[in-house]
């Protein structure tokens, strides 16, 4: 795809924008970089995640929508390795799936498109009745996956 003559706004944080900007510029785009979000540690200093990891056995699925969530989840001292996970794992996007695969998670469900809506559609064929789902995400994240899985019985 060529972006010759187009101006594209990249809103990713500075530490995560370099590769995207380079690819767009290589394809002829004029890139404007204005980071609209900041990736920061949770205000509870991971207390909620650490408590959840102590009872990870209670969850049937873990759903990741970003590389940031994957990185922070697996960096916690109580987190299992990817190979040790007993839960099914779902991911939005090929980059998040690649990171999970690199960490040893073998059995992944990945959406055809890089959106939460697409992942909800990809997960419709699974039985969600009574299933507990862990969804590590940003505090301001959209509720598309939460609502979609709840509607299916999770």
Protein backbone atom coordinates (compact mmCIF):
# COMPACT_ATOMS: atom_id res chain seq x y z
CA UNK A 1 0.00 0.00 0.00
CA UNK A 2 1.27 3.46 -0.81
CA UNK A 3 0.66 6.48 1.37
CA UNK A 4 2.38 8.82 -1.09
CA UNK A 5 1.14 12.38 -0.61
CA UNK A 6 -0.99 11.56 2.43
CA UNK A 7 -0.58 13.04 5.89
CA UNK A 8 -1.06 10.58 8.73
CA UNK A 9 -1.36 11.35 12.43
CA UNK A 10 0.30 8.82 14.74
CA UNK A 11 -0.95 9.01 18.33
CA UNK A 12 1.07 6.22 19.93
CA UNK A 13 3.46 7.00 22.80
CA UNK A 14 6.92 8.10 21.66
CA UNK A 15 8.60 4.86 22.80
CA UNK A 16 6.19 2.80 20.66
CA UNK A 17 5.79 4.98 17.59
CA UNK A 18 9.19 4.70 15.89
CA UNK A 19 8.55 1.57 13.84
CA UNK A 20 5.11 2.71 12.72
CA UNK A 21 6.40 6.14 11.72
CA UNK A 22 9.34 4.65 9.80
CA UNK A 23 7.04 2.27 7.87
CA UNK A 24 4.61 5.06 6.96
CA UNK A 25 7.39 7.41 5.87
CA UNK A 26 8.96 4.63 3.79
CA UNK A 27 5.62 4.34 1.97
CA UNK A 28 5.60 8.07 1.20
CA UNK A 29 3.49 9.43 4.04
CA UNK A 30 4.00 12.74 5.72
CA UNK A 31 3.76 11.72 9.40
CA UNK A 32 2.72 13.95 12.25
CA UNK A 33 3.42 12.42 15.65
CA UNK A 34 1.37 13.66 18.59
CA UNK A 35 1.27 11.12 21.44
CA UNK A 36 -2.27 11.27 22.84
CA UNK A 37 -1.85 8.51 25.38
CA UNK A 38 0.70 7.67 28.01
CA UNK A 39 1.45 4.13 29.06
CA UNK A 40 1.87 4.11 32.84
CA UNK A 41 1.81 1.56 35.61
CA UNK A 42 -1.53 1.16 37.42
CA UNK A 43 -2.27 3.53 40.28
CA UNK A 44 -2.59 0.58 42.69
CA UNK A 45 1.03 -0.43 41.91
CA UNK A 46 -0.16 -3.80 40.49
CA UNK A 47 -1.87 -4.86 43.72
CA UNK A 48 -5.06 -5.84 41.84
CA UNK A 49 -3.19 -7.88 39.24
CA UNK A 50 -1.01 -9.56 41.85
CA UNK A 51 -4.09 -10.56 43.88
CA UNK A 52 -5.70 -11.91 40.71
CA UNK A 53 -2.60 -13.92 39.84
CA UNK A 54 -2.88 -15.67 43.23
CA UNK A 55 -6.23 -17.09 42.08
CA UNK A 56 -5.52 -17.43 38.36
CA UNK A 57 -6.84 -21.00 38.53
CA UNK A 58 -10.39 -19.57 38.78
CA UNK A 59 -10.24 -18.19 35.22
CA UNK A 60 -10.98 -20.16 32.05
CA UNK A 61 -9.77 -17.56 29.56
CA UNK A 62 -7.38 -14.59 29.44
CA UNK A 63 -7.99 -11.93 26.79
CA UNK A 64 -5.23 -9.52 25.78
CA UNK A 65 -5.86 -6.48 23.61
CA UNK A 66 -2.38 -4.98 23.62
CA UNK A 67 1.29 -5.74 23.84
CA UNK A 68 1.44 -3.48 26.89
CA UNK A 69 -1.02 -5.70 28.75
CA UNK A 70 0.94 -8.83 27.80
CA UNK A 71 4.27 -7.34 28.87
CA UNK A 72 2.97 -6.12 32.22
CA UNK A 73 1.03 -9.34 32.95
CA UNK A 74 3.96 -11.69 32.36
CA UNK A 75 6.44 -9.39 34.16
CA UNK A 76 4.71 -9.88 37.50
CA UNK A 77 6.52 -12.23 39.94
CA UNK A 78 3.44 -14.47 40.36
CA UNK A 79 2.70 -14.75 36.65
CA UNK A 80 3.15 -18.17 35.11
CA UNK A 81 5.27 -18.59 32.02
CA UNK A 82 3.42 -18.84 28.73
CA UNK A 83 3.95 -22.60 28.67
CA UNK A 84 2.48 -22.95 32.18
CA UNK A 85 -0.80 -21.18 31.42
CA UNK A 86 -3.78 -23.47 31.91
CA UNK A 87 -6.24 -20.93 30.48
CA UNK A 88 -7.27 -20.42 26.88
CA UNK A 89 -5.85 -17.17 25.52
CA UNK A 90 -7.28 -14.71 23.01
CA UNK A 91 -5.54 -11.73 21.43
CA UNK A 92 -6.45 -8.72 19.36
CA UNK A 93 -3.99 -8.24 16.55
CA UNK A 94 -1.03 -10.05 15.09
CA UNK A 95 1.59 -8.13 17.09
CA UNK A 96 -0.04 -9.03 20.42
CA UNK A 97 -0.39 -12.64 19.24
CA UNK A 98 3.28 -12.74 18.17
CA UNK A 99 4.41 -11.49 21.57
CA UNK A 100 2.27 -14.12 23.31
CA UNK A 101 3.64 -16.81 21.01
CA UNK A 102 7.21 -15.62 21.71
CA UNK A 103 6.44 -15.96 25.44
CA UNK A 104 5.43 -19.59 24.93
CA UNK A 105 1.64 -19.33 24.65
CA UNK A 106 0.86 -21.92 21.98
CA UNK A 107 -2.93 -22.11 21.85
CA UNK A 108 -4.19 -18.69 20.79
CA UNK A 109 -7.40 -17.37 19.33
CA UNK A 110 -6.64 -14.28 17.26
CA UNK A 111 -9.12 -11.98 15.55
CA UNK A 112 -9.05 -11.67 11.76
CA UNK A 113 -8.92 -7.89 12.16
CA UNK A 114 -7.18 -5.75 14.76
CA UNK A 115 -10.30 -4.68 16.67
CA UNK A 116 -12.14 -5.76 19.79
CA UNK A 117 -15.30 -6.16 17.72
CA UNK A 118 -13.52 -8.65 15.45
CA UNK A 119 -12.29 -10.63 18.45
CA UNK A 120 -15.82 -10.85 19.84
CA UNK A 121 -16.92 -12.28 16.49
CA UNK A 122 -13.98 -14.73 16.47
CA UNK A 123 -14.94 -15.97 19.93
CA UNK A 124 -18.65 -16.54 19.21
CA UNK A 125 -18.18 -20.21 18.42
CA UNK A 126 -16.91 -21.01 21.93
CA UNK A 127 -19.11 -21.94 24.89
CA UNK A 128 -19.02 -19.01 27.30
CA UNK A 129 -21.76 -20.11 29.70
CA UNK A 130 -20.35 -19.79 33.22
CA UNK A 131 -16.80 -19.12 32.03
CA UNK A 132 -14.65 -16.64 33.97
CA UNK A 133 -12.54 -14.35 31.81
CA UNK A 134 -9.54 -12.32 32.91
CA UNK A 135 -9.12 -9.19 30.85
CA UNK A 136 -6.00 -7.21 31.78
CA UNK A 137 -6.39 -3.83 30.12
CA UNK A 138 -6.11 -0.08 30.42
CA UNK A 139 -8.41 1.59 32.89
CA UNK A 140 -9.94 3.68 30.10
CA UNK A 141 -10.30 0.74 27.70
CA UNK A 142 -13.47 0.18 25.70
CA UNK A 143 -16.05 -2.31 27.00
CA UNK A 144 -16.73 -3.98 23.64
CA UNK A 145 -15.12 -7.30 24.66
CA UNK A 146 -16.54 -7.27 28.18
CA UNK A 147 -20.09 -6.67 26.95
CA UNK A 148 -19.73 -9.03 23.99
CA UNK A 149 -18.54 -11.93 26.16
CA UNK A 150 -21.09 -11.21 28.87
CA UNK A 151 -23.85 -11.37 26.25
CA UNK A 152 -22.56 -14.82 25.35
CA UNK A 153 -22.75 -15.98 28.99
CA UNK A 154 -19.25 -15.28 30.35
